[in-house]
Amino acid sequence: MPHLFIFIAFVLLLPSYSLAGESSANDAESVPKRESVALPGQSAYTGAGLSIGLAAGVFSPIEECDCMGSWQGQLEYFYSDLVSGSFEVRFFGGDLDRDKMVMFQRYRIHVRFHSAYDEFALFAGPFLGLENTSISEFRKQVVDREEADSKKTRARFWWQQADDEDLEETDDSSKTETNCGKLFAMDGFSIGLGLGGGYNVSRLFAVTGLVQVEYNFSKDVMLSLVPGVAFNLLEVWPWAKGALRSTWISFEVGGQRYVHGGVEGWSNTFFLGLQLGA
């Protein structure tokens, strides 16, 4: 897995090294340092350079599932003031319900086209996603083990008769596991389109938003809505103001829903994150 991160970073940064040989120090000094605009996903529009974002939070699935811990990271490079490329990773981990533990990893590669003004920035672009398939095998092993244990229990106590309440509870538990499992059914590759932006409402604060539609080749479709607020740490941190292009602290509340898949209701994510632009 570390080799994957190294490869992605190499692909994103390769154009910067080729362009560096063609630009002189005088040209670099002549380019004015513009104000940044906060963007969703612990990112910011600077029109140049590298952006790194990290966040930790909670994933709250549908009502019958338990909450899980989550963290995400994003590495974005601006090839120009109009185009950027980014690599995003997100991890979920914890007890999905009373019988099942989940470890989930998702990776995305984005290409974004930007349109920016003094205090407002928009972007749109496609992305390619991939779920770690080894996690699916892990979940299957857990389910198979549970089914085997259940069969052994029924064979041992064959003389006992289950009452109606036990049968009803078993049916509800099976339904819960099915719905919870569908939240992580997007195995393999997926493609999608994202539209987002940010607006600096003042020198210190900004609002952000993201709308994202993702189609998985397992024939699942997921809609994501992510509003957020951000604080411009660069304005109150003297060292960062002299050394970095941007520094934002953000809080985002995301909602996601499966358009197909039989899961009703919205799942929510809550992330507190930090963005650094160099």
Protein backbone atom coordinates (compact mmCIF):
# COMPACT_ATOMS: atom_id res chain seq x y z
CA MET A 1 0.00 0.00 0.00
CA PRO A 2 2.80 2.56 0.67
CA HIS A 3 3.95 2.05 -2.93
CA LEU A 4 0.53 3.23 -4.14
CA PHE A 5 0.88 6.55 -2.30
CA ILE A 6 4.40 7.06 -3.68
CA PHE A 7 3.22 6.36 -7.22
CA ILE A 8 0.27 8.76 -6.97
CA ALA A 9 2.46 11.52 -5.54
CA PHE A 10 4.99 10.98 -8.35
CA VAL A 11 2.29 11.25 -11.04
CA LEU A 12 0.85 14.43 -9.52
CA LEU A 13 4.21 16.16 -9.02
CA LEU A 14 5.96 15.09 -12.24
CA PRO A 15 4.70 18.04 -14.34
CA SER A 16 5.95 20.49 -11.71
CA TYR A 17 9.54 19.32 -12.14
CA SER A 18 9.39 19.63 -15.92
CA LEU A 19 7.98 23.14 -15.70
CA ALA A 20 10.52 24.19 -13.08
CA GLY A 21 13.35 23.83 -15.55
CA GLU A 22 11.68 26.25 -17.94
CA SER A 23 10.91 29.00 -15.41
CA SER A 24 13.45 31.35 -13.90
CA ALA A 25 13.56 32.67 -10.36
CA ASN A 26 12.64 36.14 -11.59
CA ASP A 27 9.49 34.82 -13.23
CA ALA A 28 8.47 33.06 -10.03
CA GLU A 29 8.94 36.23 -8.00
CA SER A 30 6.86 38.23 -10.48
CA VAL A 31 3.78 36.06 -9.92
CA PRO A 32 1.65 37.63 -7.17
CA LYS A 33 0.50 35.48 -4.25
CA ARG A 34 -3.28 35.42 -4.45
CA GLU A 35 -5.76 34.94 -1.64
CA SER A 36 -7.01 31.38 -1.20
CA VAL A 37 -10.64 30.26 -1.23
CA ALA A 38 -11.72 27.32 0.94
CA LEU A 39 -13.05 24.27 -0.92
CA PRO A 40 -14.79 21.09 0.29
CA GLY A 41 -12.82 17.99 1.22
CA GLN A 42 -10.10 19.88 3.12
CA SER A 43 -8.93 21.68 0.00
CA ALA A 44 -8.47 25.28 -1.08
CA TYR A 45 -8.14 27.13 -4.35
CA THR A 46 -4.77 28.84 -4.72
CA GLY A 47 -4.24 28.54 -8.47
CA ALA A 48 -0.77 27.04 -7.96
CA GLY A 49 1.22 24.72 -5.78
CA LEU A 50 0.31 21.75 -3.64
CA SER A 51 -2.57 21.28 -1.20
CA ILE A 52 -2.66 18.68 1.58
CA GLY A 53 -5.77 17.95 3.63
CA LEU A 54 -6.39 15.63 6.59
CA ALA A 55 -9.58 15.06 8.57
CA ALA A 56 -11.01 12.75 11.23
CA GLY A 57 -14.59 12.18 12.20
CA VAL A 58 -17.56 9.87 12.53
CA PHE A 59 -19.61 7.94 9.99
CA SER A 60 -23.25 7.63 11.06
CA PRO A 61 -25.06 5.08 8.86
CA ILE A 62 -28.80 4.49 8.66
CA GLU A 63 -30.74 4.18 11.91
CA GLU A 64 -30.34 0.43 12.44
CA CYS A 65 -26.52 0.53 12.07
CA ASP A 66 -23.89 1.67 14.58
CA CYS A 67 -21.56 4.67 14.17
CA MET A 68 -17.96 4.12 13.11
CA GLY A 69 -14.76 6.09 13.21
CA SER A 70 -13.47 7.58 9.97
CA TRP A 71 -10.60 9.60 8.56
CA GLN A 72 -9.73 10.93 5.14
CA GLY A 73 -6.85 12.59 3.34
CA GLN A 74 -6.42 14.47 0.09
CA LEU A 75 -3.38 15.46 -1.96
CA GLU A 76 -4.04 18.02 -4.72
CA TYR A 77 -1.70 19.71 -7.19
CA PHE A 78 -2.58 22.73 -9.33
CA TYR A 79 -1.10 22.32 -12.81
CA SER A 80 -2.42 25.80 -13.64
CA ASP A 81 -4.99 28.23 -12.31
CA LEU A 82 -7.66 26.29 -14.25
CA VAL A 83 -6.76 22.60 -13.79
CA SER A 84 -5.78 20.46 -10.81
CA GLY A 85 -5.38 16.76 -10.08
CA SER A 86 -5.93 15.13 -6.71
CA PHE A 87 -5.77 11.81 -4.92
CA GLU A 88 -8.21 11.11 -2.08
CA VAL A 89 -8.39 8.25 0.42
CA ARG A 90 -11.05 7.51 3.02
CA PHE A 91 -11.11 4.86 5.77
CA PHE A 92 -14.00 3.56 7.87
CA GLY A 93 -13.56 1.22 10.81
CA GLY A 94 -15.63 -0.17 13.66
CA ASP A 95 -18.69 -2.26 14.50
CA LEU A 96 -21.32 -1.82 11.79
CA ASP A 97 -23.95 -3.65 13.85
CA ARG A 98 -24.02 -5.98 16.86
CA ASP A 99 -22.60 -8.91 14.89
CA LYS A 100 -20.33 -7.43 12.23
CA MET A 101 -17.10 -5.44 12.25
CA VAL A 102 -16.12 -3.51 9.13
CA MET A 103 -12.82 -2.11 7.84
CA PHE A 104 -13.36 -0.17 4.64
CA GLN A 105 -10.99 1.72 2.33
CA ARG A 106 -11.86 3.80 -0.70
CA TYR A 107 -9.53 5.62 -3.09
CA ARG A 108 -10.37 8.28 -5.67
CA ILE A 109 -8.40 10.12 -8.36
CA HIS A 110 -9.89 13.48 -9.42
CA VAL A 111 -9.37 15.84 -12.34
CA ARG A 112 -10.88 19.25 -11.60
CA PHE A 113 -11.52 22.30 -13.75
CA HIS A 114 -11.66 25.55 -11.79
CA SER A 115 -13.24 28.96 -12.17
CA ALA A 116 -12.23 31.46 -9.50
CA TYR A 117 -12.82 35.06 -8.52
CA ASP A 118 -11.55 37.14 -5.61
CA GLU A 119 -13.74 35.55 -2.92
CA PHE A 120 -15.52 32.76 -4.80
CA ALA A 121 -14.34 29.57 -6.52
CA LEU A 122 -16.09 26.75 -8.37
CA PHE A 123 -14.85 23.43 -9.70
CA ALA A 124 -16.25 20.49 -11.64
CA GLY A 125 -14.69 17.30 -12.86
CA PRO A 126 -14.76 13.51 -13.17
CA PHE A 127 -13.17 11.02 -10.82
CA LEU A 128 -12.26 7.33 -10.72
CA GLY A 129 -12.85 5.36 -7.53
CA LEU A 130 -11.66 2.02 -6.20
CA GLU A 131 -12.64 0.04 -3.11
CA ASN A 132 -10.06 -2.23 -1.52
CA THR A 133 -11.27 -5.70 -2.55
CA SER A 134 -9.49 -7.46 0.32
CA ILE A 135 -12.02 -5.89 2.67
CA SER A 136 -14.85 -7.68 0.86
CA GLU A 137 -13.11 -11.01 1.46
CA PHE A 138 -12.74 -10.14 5.14
CA ARG A 139 -16.47 -9.38 5.43
CA LYS A 140 -17.32 -12.65 3.68
CA GLN A 141 -15.19 -14.61 6.16
CA VAL A 142 -17.01 -12.97 9.06
CA VAL A 143 -20.43 -13.79 7.59
CA ASP A 144 -19.45 -17.40 6.82
CA ARG A 145 -18.18 -17.87 10.37
CA GLU A 146 -21.42 -16.49 11.80
CA GLU A 147 -23.51 -18.82 9.63
CA ALA A 148 -21.44 -21.85 10.66
CA ASP A 149 -21.75 -20.99 14.36
CA SER A 150 -25.50 -20.54 13.97
CA LYS A 151 -25.88 -23.99 12.39
CA LYS A 152 -23.88 -25.62 15.19
CA THR A 153 -26.07 -23.96 17.80
CA ARG A 154 -29.28 -25.17 16.16
CA ALA A 155 -27.91 -28.74 15.93
CA ARG A 156 -26.92 -28.77 19.59
CA PHE A 157 -30.27 -27.61 20.94
CA TRP A 158 -32.57 -29.43 18.51
CA TRP A 159 -35.08 -30.21 21.26
CA GLN A 160 -35.69 -26.52 22.02
CA GLN A 161 -38.47 -24.71 20.19
CA ALA A 162 -38.00 -21.05 19.37
CA ASP A 163 -40.96 -18.85 20.21
CA ASP A 164 -42.44 -16.21 17.91
CA GLU A 165 -40.50 -13.35 19.50
CA ASP A 166 -37.17 -15.07 18.85
CA LEU A 167 -38.12 -15.72 15.22
CA GLU A 168 -39.17 -12.11 14.73
CA GLU A 169 -35.93 -10.86 16.28
CA THR A 170 -33.93 -13.13 13.99
CA ASP A 171 -35.74 -11.83 10.92
CA ASP A 172 -35.17 -8.22 11.98
CA SER A 173 -31.50 -8.92 12.62
CA SER A 174 -31.12 -10.47 9.17
CA LYS A 175 -32.77 -7.46 7.57
CA THR A 176 -30.54 -5.09 9.53
CA GLU A 177 -27.38 -6.90 8.47
CA THR A 178 -28.54 -6.82 4.85
CA ASN A 179 -29.22 -3.08 4.88
CA CYS A 180 -26.00 -2.28 6.73
CA GLY A 181 -23.98 -4.43 4.35
CA LYS A 182 -25.42 -2.64 1.33
CA LEU A 183 -23.84 0.60 2.53
CA PHE A 184 -20.48 -0.92 1.61
CA ALA A 185 -21.58 -2.75 -1.52
CA MET A 186 -19.66 -0.51 -3.94
CA ASP A 187 -16.89 -3.03 -4.59
CA GLY A 188 -14.31 -2.57 -7.31
CA PHE A 189 -14.18 0.35 -9.71
CA SER A 190 -16.53 3.30 -9.90
CA ILE A 191 -16.76 6.53 -11.88
CA GLY A 192 -18.40 9.78 -10.94
CA LEU A 193 -18.80 13.50 -11.35
CA GLY A 194 -18.36 16.17 -8.69
CA LEU A 195 -19.39 19.84 -8.52
CA GLY A 196 -18.25 22.01 -5.64
CA GLY A 197 -17.20 25.44 -4.55
CA GLY A 198 -16.40 27.83 -1.75
CA TYR A 199 -17.14 31.41 -0.77
CA ASN A 200 -15.14 33.56 1.63
CA VAL A 201 -17.86 35.38 3.56
CA SER A 202 -15.23 37.38 5.49
CA ARG A 203 -11.50 37.56 6.05
CA LEU A 204 -11.67 34.68 8.54
CA PHE A 205 -14.63 32.51 7.55
CA ALA A 206 -15.86 30.67 4.46
CA VAL A 207 -18.65 28.31 3.45
CA THR A 208 -18.18 25.31 1.16
CA GLY A 209 -20.37 22.79 -0.64
CA LEU A 210 -20.09 19.65 -2.76
CA VAL A 211 -22.52 17.60 -4.86
CA GLN A 212 -21.23 14.26 -6.08
CA VAL A 213 -22.76 11.38 -8.05
CA GLU A 214 -20.95 8.04 -8.24
CA TYR A 215 -21.75 4.95 -10.32
CA ASN A 216 -20.21 1.63 -9.40
CA PHE A 217 -19.84 -1.21 -11.88
CA SER A 218 -21.72 -3.42 -9.44
CA LYS A 219 -24.73 -1.30 -10.57
CA ASP A 220 -24.98 0.87 -7.46
CA VAL A 221 -25.44 4.65 -7.60
CA MET A 222 -24.58 6.93 -4.68
CA LEU A 223 -25.48 10.61 -4.23
CA SER A 224 -23.41 12.73 -1.82
CA LEU A 225 -24.12 16.23 -0.47
CA VAL A 226 -21.43 17.87 1.67
CA PRO A 227 -21.91 21.39 3.11
CA GLY A 228 -19.28 22.86 5.40
CA VAL A 229 -17.72 25.88 7.09
CA ALA A 230 -14.04 26.83 7.28
CA PHE A 231 -11.81 29.13 9.34
CA ASN A 232 -8.86 30.92 7.73
CA LEU A 233 -6.02 30.03 10.09
CA LEU A 234 -3.54 31.78 7.82
CA GLU A 235 -4.84 35.19 8.90
CA VAL A 236 -4.09 34.62 12.59
CA TRP A 237 -0.91 32.53 12.34
CA PRO A 238 2.10 34.72 11.44
CA TRP A 239 4.43 31.84 10.56
CA ALA A 240 1.90 30.26 8.19
CA LYS A 241 1.20 33.58 6.51
CA GLY A 242 4.84 33.91 5.53
CA ALA A 243 5.49 30.27 4.61
CA LEU A 244 2.26 28.84 3.17
CA ARG A 245 -0.24 29.72 0.47
CA SER A 246 -3.25 28.67 2.53
CA THR A 247 -4.22 27.16 5.88
CA TRP A 248 -7.85 26.33 6.67
CA ILE A 249 -9.61 24.50 9.50
CA SER A 250 -12.91 23.05 8.28
CA PHE A 251 -15.96 21.27 9.63
CA GLU A 252 -18.14 19.34 7.18
CA VAL A 253 -21.43 17.47 7.54
CA GLY A 254 -21.99 15.11 4.63
CA GLY A 255 -25.02 13.11 3.59
CA GLN A 256 -25.01 10.15 1.22
CA ARG A 257 -27.81 8.06 -0.19
CA TYR A 258 -27.97 5.04 -2.47
CA VAL A 259 -30.23 5.79 -5.42
CA HIS A 260 -30.34 2.06 -6.19
CA GLY A 261 -29.72 -0.81 -3.80
CA GLY A 262 -32.81 -0.93 -1.60
CA VAL A 263 -31.38 1.14 1.29
CA GLU A 264 -33.77 3.79 2.59
CA GLY A 265 -32.60 6.89 4.42
CA TRP A 266 -29.46 8.99 4.49
CA SER A 267 -26.07 8.15 5.98
CA ASN A 268 -24.09 11.03 7.48
CA THR A 269 -20.44 11.90 7.96
CA PHE A 270 -18.95 14.49 10.31
CA PHE A 271 -15.38 15.62 9.66
CA LEU A 272 -13.06 18.11 11.37
CA GLY A 273 -10.03 18.75 9.20
CA LEU A 274 -6.97 20.84 8.40
CA GLN A 275 -5.73 22.04 5.01
CA LEU A 276 -2.21 23.25 4.19
CA GLY A 277 -1.24 24.83 0.87
CA ALA A 278 2.38 25.17 -0.21
